[in-house]
Protein backbone atom coordinates (compact mmCIF):
# COMPACT_ATOMS: atom_id res chain seq x y z
CA MET A 1 10.99 -3.11 -18.71
CA VAL A 2 8.48 -1.87 -16.14
CA GLU A 3 8.63 1.66 -14.78
CA PHE A 4 6.66 2.51 -11.63
CA GLU A 5 5.17 5.88 -10.73
CA THR A 6 3.73 6.60 -7.28
CA LEU A 7 0.60 8.72 -7.57
CA GLU A 8 -0.43 8.99 -3.89
CA THR A 9 0.61 7.51 -0.53
CA LYS A 10 -0.74 7.34 3.00
CA GLU A 11 1.30 6.05 5.92
CA VAL A 12 0.22 4.40 9.18
CA LYS A 13 2.95 4.30 11.84
CA PHE A 14 2.97 1.64 14.55
CA GLY A 15 5.45 0.24 17.03
CA THR A 16 8.80 1.91 17.50
CA ASN A 17 9.96 2.24 13.90
CA LYS A 18 7.41 0.33 11.78
CA PHE A 19 4.87 1.52 9.24
CA LEU A 20 2.28 0.46 6.70
CA GLU A 21 2.20 2.35 3.43
CA VAL A 22 -0.94 2.38 1.29
CA ALA A 23 -0.17 3.71 -2.19
CA ARG A 24 -1.78 4.19 -5.56
CA LYS A 25 0.78 3.47 -8.25
CA LYS A 26 1.06 3.18 -12.00
CA ALA A 27 3.05 0.49 -13.81
CA LYS A 28 4.23 1.60 -17.26
CA THR A 29 5.37 -0.84 -19.94
CA PRO A 30 5.80 -0.51 -23.72
CA GLU A 31 2.41 -2.27 -23.99
CA GLY A 32 0.57 0.29 -21.82
CA GLU A 33 -0.15 1.46 -18.28
CA ASN A 34 -1.89 -0.15 -15.33
CA ASP A 35 -3.01 1.49 -12.06
CA PHE A 36 -2.80 -0.56 -8.88
CA ILE A 37 -2.98 -0.24 -5.12
CA SER A 38 -0.14 -1.51 -2.94
CA ILE A 39 -0.06 -2.09 0.80
CA SER A 40 3.51 -2.38 2.06
CA LYS A 41 4.96 -3.13 5.48
CA GLY A 42 8.28 -1.59 6.39
CA PHE A 43 10.56 -0.11 8.99
CA VAL A 44 12.70 2.98 9.41
CA LEU A 45 16.45 2.69 9.96
CA PRO A 46 18.18 4.87 12.59
CA THR A 47 19.37 7.03 9.66
CA GLY A 48 15.72 7.75 8.76
CA GLN A 49 15.85 5.65 5.59
CA LYS A 50 12.77 3.50 4.91
CA ARG A 51 13.05 -0.22 4.17
CA PHE A 52 10.20 -2.35 2.91
CA LYS A 53 9.68 -5.98 3.95
CA ASN A 54 6.40 -7.23 2.45
CA ALA A 55 3.86 -5.93 -0.03
CA LEU A 56 0.46 -6.77 -1.46
CA GLY A 57 -0.75 -5.31 -4.73
CA PHE A 58 -4.09 -5.39 -6.56
CA GLU A 59 -5.96 -3.59 -9.34
CA ALA A 60 -7.06 -0.04 -8.55
CA LYS A 61 -10.79 -0.74 -8.86
CA LYS A 62 -13.42 0.79 -6.60
CA GLU A 63 -15.16 -2.53 -5.94
CA ILE A 64 -11.92 -4.11 -4.67
CA VAL A 65 -11.04 -1.09 -2.50
CA ASN A 66 -14.59 -0.90 -1.13
CA GLY A 67 -14.52 -4.62 -0.31
CA LEU A 68 -11.25 -4.17 1.57
CA ILE A 69 -12.66 -1.18 3.46
CA GLU A 70 -15.77 -3.19 4.43
CA ALA A 71 -13.64 -6.13 5.62
CA LEU A 72 -11.34 -3.89 7.69
CA THR A 73 -14.33 -2.02 9.16
CA ALA A 74 -15.99 -5.30 10.19
CA ILE A 75 -12.80 -6.54 11.84
CA ASN A 76 -12.25 -3.17 13.50
CA GLU A 77 -15.73 -3.33 15.06
CA SER A 78 -14.85 -6.63 16.73
CA LEU A 79 -11.69 -5.20 18.39
CA GLU A 80 -11.86 -4.27 22.04
């Protein structure tokens, strides 16, 4: 069985009730632990409860995170 622990989260709100959540998490199994980064898209119900729709996860390694930052920065520079 896998147990997940959220170590840190940052949220980006957009639209009326939508958000992106960037989180550093830890997956724990009897075989060991693994840190990973997740980027999740979700929405907030009228009750205030969060619901998640889609997610992307990858190893928590600096070279992967730096590559993602570089790609987002390059795309951001081309926006008007």
